Amino acid sequence: MDGVVDGTLRARVTAPAIEGAANQALLRLIADELGVPKRDVRLVAGASSRTKLLVVDGIPADRVLERWPGLKV
């Protein structure tokens, strides 16, 4: 995890961008960081892009901001 830069969370995964492996690794990473089940983290935009938009269900925005201050939510 590289942290928040200009309101955007920067994260790196080692999984290859083949057959969605990198996207799945990102979802697992975010779920682990926030302490929520992976099923609660969804990719809603950017499946084939370096820039992604994720939604985390069942967690208030202030909890996300506690973890990553400065993040645009």
PDB file of N, CA and C in Angstrom:
ATOM      1  N   MET A   1       0.851  -1.167   0.000  1.00  0.00           N
ATOM      2  CA  MET A   1       0.000   0.000   0.000  1.00  0.00           C
ATOM      3  C   MET A   1       0.899   1.233   0.000  1.00  0.00           C
ATOM      4  N   ASP A   2       0.706   2.087  -0.978  1.00  0.00           N
ATOM      5  CA  ASP A   2       1.519   3.294  -1.084  1.00  0.00           C
ATOM      6  C   ASP A   2       0.901   4.482  -0.355  1.00  0.00           C
ATOM      7  N   GLY A   3      -0.360   4.374   0.059  1.00  0.00           N
ATOM      8  CA  GLY A   3      -1.027   5.456   0.776  1.00  0.00           C
ATOM      9  C   GLY A   3      -1.845   6.342  -0.142  1.00  0.00           C
ATOM     10  N   VAL A   4      -2.297   7.447   0.429  1.00  0.00           N
ATOM     11  CA  VAL A   4      -3.169   8.377  -0.295  1.00  0.00           C
ATOM     12  C   VAL A   4      -2.316   9.467  -0.936  1.00  0.00           C
ATOM     13  N   VAL A   5      -2.528   9.667  -2.237  1.00  0.00           N
ATOM     14  CA  VAL A   5      -1.842  10.710  -2.997  1.00  0.00           C
ATOM     15  C   VAL A   5      -2.907  11.497  -3.742  1.00  0.00           C
ATOM     16  N   ASP A   6      -3.001  12.793  -3.467  1.00  0.00           N
ATOM     17  CA  ASP A   6      -4.000  13.658  -4.124  1.00  0.00           C
ATOM     18  C   ASP A   6      -5.410  13.089  -4.013  1.00  0.00           C
ATOM     19  N   GLY A   7      -5.766  12.547  -2.847  1.00  0.00           N
ATOM     20  CA  GLY A   7      -7.113  12.045  -2.610  1.00  0.00           C
ATOM     21  C   GLY A   7      -7.384  10.658  -3.133  1.00  0.00           C
ATOM     22  N   THR A   8      -6.385  10.038  -3.738  1.00  0.00           N
ATOM     23  CA  THR A   8      -6.545   8.711  -4.327  1.00  0.00           C
ATOM     24  C   THR A   8      -5.661   7.710  -3.598  1.00  0.00           C
ATOM     25  N   LEU A   9      -6.212   6.550  -3.272  1.00  0.00           N
ATOM     26  CA  LEU A   9      -5.434   5.505  -2.629  1.00  0.00           C
ATOM     27  C   LEU A   9      -4.598   4.798  -3.678  1.00  0.00           C
ATOM     28  N   ARG A  10      -3.315   4.673  -3.408  1.00  0.00           N
ATOM     29  CA  ARG A  10      -2.414   3.958  -4.320  1.00  0.00           C
ATOM     30  C   ARG A  10      -2.053   2.626  -3.687  1.00  0.00           C
ATOM     31  N   ALA A  11      -2.262   1.581  -4.443  1.00  0.00           N
ATOM     32  CA  ALA A  11      -1.961   0.232  -3.961  1.00  0.00           C
ATOM     33  C   ALA A  11      -1.313  -0.549  -5.088  1.00  0.00           C
ATOM     34  N   ARG A  12      -0.466  -1.494  -4.707  1.00  0.00           N
ATOM     35  CA  ARG A  12       0.185  -2.356  -5.692  1.00  0.00           C
ATOM     36  C   ARG A  12      -0.066  -3.803  -5.309  1.00  0.00           C
ATOM     37  N   VAL A  13      -0.295  -4.609  -6.323  1.00  0.00           N
ATOM     38  CA  VAL A  13      -0.433  -6.048  -6.112  1.00  0.00           C
ATOM     39  C   VAL A  13       0.539  -6.752  -7.049  1.00  0.00           C
ATOM     40  N   THR A  14       0.918  -7.955  -6.683  1.00  0.00           N
ATOM     41  CA  THR A  14       1.886  -8.683  -7.508  1.00  0.00           C
ATOM     42  C   THR A  14       1.221  -9.630  -8.493  1.00  0.00           C
ATOM     43  N   ALA A  15      -0.078  -9.818  -8.359  1.00  0.00           N
ATOM     44  CA  ALA A  15      -0.789 -10.720  -9.267  1.00  0.00           C
ATOM     45  C   ALA A  15      -0.778 -10.139 -10.679  1.00  0.00           C
ATOM     46  N   PRO A  16      -0.696 -10.997 -11.680  1.00  0.00           N
ATOM     47  CA  PRO A  16      -0.693 -10.513 -13.060  1.00  0.00           C
ATOM     48  C   PRO A  16      -2.072 -10.021 -13.488  1.00  0.00           C
ATOM     49  N   ALA A  17      -2.079  -9.093 -14.415  1.00  0.00           N
ATOM     50  CA  ALA A  17      -3.338  -8.560 -14.946  1.00  0.00           C
ATOM     51  C   ALA A  17      -3.885  -9.493 -16.018  1.00  0.00           C
ATOM     52  N   ILE A  18      -4.044 -10.754 -15.658  1.00  0.00           N
ATOM     53  CA  ILE A  18      -4.555 -11.773 -16.567  1.00  0.00           C
ATOM     54  C   ILE A  18      -5.779 -12.415 -15.936  1.00  0.00           C
ATOM     55  N   GLU A  19      -6.864 -12.460 -16.700  1.00  0.00           N
ATOM     56  CA  GLU A  19      -8.110 -13.093 -16.254  1.00  0.00           C
ATOM     57  C   GLU A  19      -8.602 -12.545 -14.920  1.00  0.00           C
ATOM     58  N   GLY A  20      -8.372 -11.250 -14.664  1.00  0.00           N
ATOM     59  CA  GLY A  20      -8.883 -10.604 -13.466  1.00  0.00           C
ATOM     60  C   GLY A  20      -8.117 -10.891 -12.184  1.00  0.00           C
ATOM     61  N   ALA A  21      -6.964 -11.545 -12.282  1.00  0.00           N
ATOM     62  CA  ALA A  21      -6.205 -11.915 -11.077  1.00  0.00           C
ATOM     63  C   ALA A  21      -5.766 -10.680 -10.283  1.00  0.00           C
ATOM     64  N   ALA A  22      -5.317  -9.644 -10.967  1.00  0.00           N
ATOM     65  CA  ALA A  22      -4.872  -8.432 -10.270  1.00  0.00           C
ATOM     66  C   ALA A  22      -6.046  -7.730  -9.592  1.00  0.00           C
ATOM     67  N   ASN A  23      -7.187  -7.692 -10.261  1.00  0.00           N
ATOM     68  CA  ASN A  23      -8.373  -7.086  -9.647  1.00  0.00           C
ATOM     69  C   ASN A  23      -8.798  -7.847  -8.397  1.00  0.00           C
ATOM     70  N   GLN A  24      -8.781  -9.166  -8.463  1.00  0.00           N
ATOM     71  CA  GLN A  24      -9.150  -9.975  -7.301  1.00  0.00           C
ATOM     72  C   GLN A  24      -8.159  -9.777  -6.157  1.00  0.00           C
ATOM     73  N   ALA A  25      -6.890  -9.654  -6.483  1.00  0.00           N
ATOM     74  CA  ALA A  25      -5.875  -9.412  -5.460  1.00  0.00           C
ATOM     75  C   ALA A  25      -6.096  -8.045  -4.801  1.00  0.00           C
ATOM     76  N   LEU A  26      -6.475  -7.060  -5.588  1.00  0.00           N
ATOM     77  CA  LEU A  26      -6.761  -5.732  -5.045  1.00  0.00           C
ATOM     78  C   LEU A  26      -7.963  -5.782  -4.104  1.00  0.00           C
ATOM     79  N   LEU A  27      -9.012  -6.473  -4.506  1.00  0.00           N
ATOM     80  CA  LEU A  27     -10.198  -6.583  -3.645  1.00  0.00           C
ATOM     81  C   LEU A  27      -9.844  -7.256  -2.318  1.00  0.00           C
ATOM     82  N   ARG A  28      -9.028  -8.306  -2.376  1.00  0.00           N
ATOM     83  CA  ARG A  28      -8.579  -8.983  -1.143  1.00  0.00           C
ATOM     84  C   ARG A  28      -7.760  -8.044  -0.272  1.00  0.00           C
ATOM     85  N   LEU A  29      -6.862  -7.288  -0.887  1.00  0.00           N
ATOM     86  CA  LEU A  29      -6.013  -6.360  -0.151  1.00  0.00           C
ATOM     87  C   LEU A  29      -6.851  -5.316   0.591  1.00  0.00           C
ATOM     88  N   ILE A  30      -7.784  -4.711  -0.110  1.00  0.00           N
ATOM     89  CA  ILE A  30      -8.633  -3.684   0.506  1.00  0.00           C
ATOM     90  C   ILE A  30      -9.485  -4.292   1.618  1.00  0.00           C
ATOM     91  N   ALA A  31     -10.054  -5.452   1.377  1.00  0.00           N
ATOM     92  CA  ALA A  31     -10.856  -6.120   2.401  1.00  0.00           C
ATOM     93  C   ALA A  31     -10.021  -6.411   3.642  1.00  0.00           C
ATOM     94  N   ASP A  32      -8.828  -6.921   3.448  1.00  0.00           N
ATOM     95  CA  ASP A  32      -7.942  -7.215   4.582  1.00  0.00           C
ATOM     96  C   ASP A  32      -7.578  -5.943   5.340  1.00  0.00           C
ATOM     97  N   GLU A  33      -7.255  -4.893   4.626  1.00  0.00           N
ATOM     98  CA  GLU A  33      -6.870  -3.630   5.263  1.00  0.00           C
ATOM     99  C   GLU A  33      -8.004  -3.040   6.099  1.00  0.00           C
ATOM    100  N   LEU A  34      -9.240  -3.221   5.626  1.00  0.00           N
ATOM    101  CA  LEU A  34     -10.395  -2.654   6.341  1.00  0.00           C
ATOM    102  C   LEU A  34     -11.039  -3.647   7.306  1.00  0.00           C
ATOM    103  N   GLY A  35     -10.606  -4.894   7.262  1.00  0.00           N
ATOM    104  CA  GLY A  35     -11.166  -5.894   8.168  1.00  0.00           C
ATOM    105  C   GLY A  35     -12.591  -6.282   7.836  1.00  0.00           C
ATOM    106  N   VAL A  36     -12.896  -6.326   6.545  1.00  0.00           N
ATOM    107  CA  VAL A  36     -14.230  -6.730   6.097  1.00  0.00           C
ATOM    108  C   VAL A  36     -14.096  -7.953   5.199  1.00  0.00           C
ATOM    109  N   PRO A  37     -15.179  -8.710   5.026  1.00  0.00           N
ATOM    110  CA  PRO A  37     -15.116  -9.844   4.097  1.00  0.00           C
ATOM    111  C   PRO A  37     -14.900  -9.357   2.660  1.00  0.00           C
ATOM    112  N   LYS A  38     -14.207 -10.155   1.880  1.00  0.00           N
ATOM    113  CA  LYS A  38     -13.937  -9.788   0.482  1.00  0.00           C
ATOM    114  C   LYS A  38     -15.225  -9.555  -0.293  1.00  0.00           C
ATOM    115  N   ARG A  39     -16.274 -10.272   0.051  1.00  0.00           N
ATOM    116  CA  ARG A  39     -17.548 -10.111  -0.672  1.00  0.00           C
ATOM    117  C   ARG A  39     -18.140  -8.705  -0.507  1.00  0.00           C
ATOM    118  N   ASP A  40     -17.652  -7.952   0.501  1.00  0.00           N
ATOM    119  CA  ASP A  40     -18.153  -6.597   0.733  1.00  0.00           C
ATOM    120  C   ASP A  40     -17.411  -5.535  -0.072  1.00  0.00           C
ATOM    121  N   VAL A  41     -16.393  -5.937  -0.815  1.00  0.00           N
ATOM    122  CA  VAL A  41     -15.630  -4.995  -1.641  1.00  0.00           C
ATOM    123  C   VAL A  41     -15.914  -5.316  -3.098  1.00  0.00           C
ATOM    124  N   ARG A  42     -16.405  -4.298  -3.818  1.00  0.00           N
ATOM    125  CA  ARG A  42     -16.775  -4.505  -5.220  1.00  0.00           C
ATOM    126  C   ARG A  42     -16.051  -3.525  -6.120  1.00  0.00           C
ATOM    127  N   LEU A  43     -15.648  -4.006  -7.273  1.00  0.00           N
ATOM    128  CA  LEU A  43     -15.065  -3.177  -8.319  1.00  0.00           C
ATOM    129  C   LEU A  43     -16.213  -2.701  -9.195  1.00  0.00           C
ATOM    130  N   VAL A  44     -16.436  -1.376  -9.242  1.00  0.00           N
ATOM    131  CA  VAL A  44     -17.573  -0.865 -10.008  1.00  0.00           C
ATOM    132  C   VAL A  44     -17.151  -0.141 -11.287  1.00  0.00           C
ATOM    133  N   ALA A  45     -15.865   0.183 -11.402  1.00  0.00           N
ATOM    134  CA  ALA A  45     -15.372   0.819 -12.633  1.00  0.00           C
ATOM    135  C   ALA A  45     -13.868   0.610 -12.727  1.00  0.00           C
ATOM    136  N   GLY A  46     -13.391   0.491 -13.951  1.00  0.00           N
ATOM    137  CA  GLY A  46     -11.964   0.406 -14.190  1.00  0.00           C
ATOM    138  C   GLY A  46     -11.399  -0.998 -14.199  1.00  0.00           C
ATOM    139  N   ALA A  47     -12.195  -1.985 -14.535  1.00  0.00           N
ATOM    140  CA  ALA A  47     -11.730  -3.379 -14.512  1.00  0.00           C
ATOM    141  C   ALA A  47     -10.493  -3.588 -15.375  1.00  0.00           C
ATOM    142  N   SER A  48     -10.372  -2.854 -16.474  1.00  0.00           N
ATOM    143  CA  SER A  48      -9.209  -3.038 -17.352  1.00  0.00           C
ATOM    144  C   SER A  48      -8.293  -1.815 -17.345  1.00  0.00           C
ATOM    145  N   SER A  49      -8.443  -0.979 -16.333  1.00  0.00           N
ATOM    146  CA  SER A  49      -7.663   0.249 -16.231  1.00  0.00           C
ATOM    147  C   SER A  49      -6.780   0.219 -14.987  1.00  0.00           C
ATOM    148  N   ARG A  50      -5.768   1.061 -14.968  1.00  0.00           N
ATOM    149  CA  ARG A  50      -4.929   1.183 -13.769  1.00  0.00           C
ATOM    150  C   ARG A  50      -5.684   1.908 -12.662  1.00  0.00           C
ATOM    151  N   THR A  51      -6.642   2.756 -13.037  1.00  0.00           N
ATOM    152  CA  THR A  51      -7.456   3.494 -12.082  1.00  0.00           C
ATOM    153  C   THR A  51      -8.764   2.741 -11.863  1.00  0.00           C
ATOM    154  N   LYS A  52      -9.059   2.441 -10.619  1.00  0.00           N
ATOM    155  CA  LYS A  52     -10.245   1.645 -10.271  1.00  0.00           C
ATOM    156  C   LYS A  52     -11.171   2.450  -9.375  1.00  0.00           C
ATOM    157  N   LEU A  53     -12.434   2.094  -9.388  1.00  0.00           N
ATOM    158  CA  LEU A  53     -13.399   2.632  -8.444  1.00  0.00           C
ATOM    159  C   LEU A  53     -13.983   1.447  -7.697  1.00  0.00           C
ATOM    160  N   LEU A  54     -13.811   1.467  -6.371  1.00  0.00           N
ATOM    161  CA  LEU A  54     -14.295   0.381  -5.529  1.00  0.00           C
ATOM    162  C   LEU A  54     -15.389   0.890  -4.612  1.00  0.00           C
ATOM    163  N   VAL A  55     -16.287  -0.008  -4.256  1.00  0.00           N
ATOM    164  CA  VAL A  55     -17.313   0.263  -3.255  1.00  0.00           C
ATOM    165  C   VAL A  55     -17.136  -0.763  -2.157  1.00  0.00           C
ATOM    166  N   VAL A  56     -17.172  -0.275  -0.913  1.00  0.00           N
ATOM    167  CA  VAL A  56     -17.080  -1.173   0.238  1.00  0.00           C
ATOM    168  C   VAL A  56     -18.420  -1.103   0.960  1.00  0.00           C
ATOM    169  N   ASP A  57     -19.142  -2.198   0.977  1.00  0.00           N
ATOM    170  CA  ASP A  57     -20.449  -2.247   1.621  1.00  0.00           C
ATOM    171  C   ASP A  57     -20.291  -2.487   3.115  1.00  0.00           C
ATOM    172  N   GLY A  58     -21.239  -1.959   3.885  1.00  0.00           N
ATOM    173  CA  GLY A  58     -21.314  -2.273   5.305  1.00  0.00           C
ATOM    174  C   GLY A  58     -20.272  -1.606   6.176  1.00  0.00           C
ATOM    175  N   ILE A  59     -19.667  -0.537   5.686  1.00  0.00           N
ATOM    176  CA  ILE A  59     -18.658   0.165   6.473  1.00  0.00           C
ATOM    177  C   ILE A  59     -18.872   1.667   6.273  1.00  0.00           C
ATOM    178  N   PRO A  60     -18.919   2.426   7.361  1.00  0.00           N
ATOM    179  CA  PRO A  60     -19.126   3.866   7.202  1.00  0.00           C
ATOM    180  C   PRO A  60     -17.884   4.563   6.632  1.00  0.00           C
ATOM    181  N   ALA A  61     -18.124   5.646   5.925  1.00  0.00           N
ATOM    182  CA  ALA A  61     -17.030   6.390   5.293  1.00  0.00           C
ATOM    183  C   ALA A  61     -16.010   6.868   6.320  1.00  0.00           C
ATOM    184  N   ASP A  62     -16.451   7.232   7.538  1.00  0.00           N
ATOM    185  CA  ASP A  62     -15.494   7.728   8.528  1.00  0.00           C
ATOM    186  C   ASP A  62     -14.501   6.647   8.946  1.00  0.00           C
ATOM    187  N   ARG A  63     -14.912   5.385   8.911  1.00  0.00           N
ATOM    188  CA  ARG A  63     -13.980   4.299   9.232  1.00  0.00           C
ATOM    189  C   ARG A  63     -12.918   4.153   8.136  1.00  0.00           C
ATOM    190  N   VAL A  64     -13.334   4.328   6.898  1.00  0.00           N
ATOM    191  CA  VAL A  64     -12.385   4.283   5.785  1.00  0.00           C
ATOM    192  C   VAL A  64     -11.406   5.451   5.907  1.00  0.00           C
ATOM    193  N   LEU A  65     -11.920   6.625   6.255  1.00  0.00           N
ATOM    194  CA  LEU A  65     -11.066   7.802   6.395  1.00  0.00           C
ATOM    195  C   LEU A  65     -10.123   7.696   7.591  1.00  0.00           C
ATOM    196  N   GLU A  66     -10.519   6.973   8.620  1.00  0.00           N
ATOM    197  CA  GLU A  66      -9.602   6.728   9.737  1.00  0.00           C
ATOM    198  C   GLU A  66      -8.391   5.942   9.249  1.00  0.00           C
ATOM    199  N   ARG A  67      -8.635   4.990   8.377  1.00  0.00           N
ATOM    200  CA  ARG A  67      -7.562   4.147   7.847  1.00  0.00           C
ATOM    201  C   ARG A  67      -6.696   4.900   6.853  1.00  0.00           C
ATOM    202  N   TRP A  68      -7.355   5.708   5.985  1.00  0.00           N
ATOM    203  CA  TRP A  68      -6.646   6.446   4.942  1.00  0.00           C
ATOM    204  C   TRP A  68      -7.081   7.907   4.941  1.00  0.00           C
ATOM    205  N   PRO A  69      -6.557   8.723   5.867  1.00  0.00           N
ATOM    206  CA  PRO A  69      -6.918  10.150   5.887  1.00  0.00           C
ATOM    207  C   PRO A  69      -6.588  10.811   4.553  1.00  0.00           C
ATOM    208  N   GLY A  70      -7.464  11.720   4.129  1.00  0.00           N
ATOM    209  CA  GLY A  70      -7.234  12.434   2.883  1.00  0.00           C
ATOM    210  C   GLY A  70      -7.837  11.774   1.661  1.00  0.00           C
ATOM    211  N   LEU A  71      -8.378  10.567   1.835  1.00  0.00           N
ATOM    212  CA  LEU A  71      -8.983   9.853   0.718  1.00  0.00           C
ATOM    213  C   LEU A  71     -10.301  10.518   0.337  1.00  0.00           C
ATOM    214  N   LYS A  72     -10.536  10.683  -0.950  1.00  0.00           N
ATOM    215  CA  LYS A  72     -11.823  11.183  -1.422  1.00  0.00           C
ATOM    216  C   LYS A  72     -12.822  10.050  -1.376  1.00  0.00           C
ATOM    217  N   VAL A  73     -13.892  10.226  -0.620  1.00  0.00           N
ATOM    218  CA  VAL A  73     -14.922   9.176  -0.542  1.00  0.00           C
ATOM    219  C   VAL A  73     -16.251   9.717  -1.007  1.00  0.00           C
TER     220      VAL A  73
END
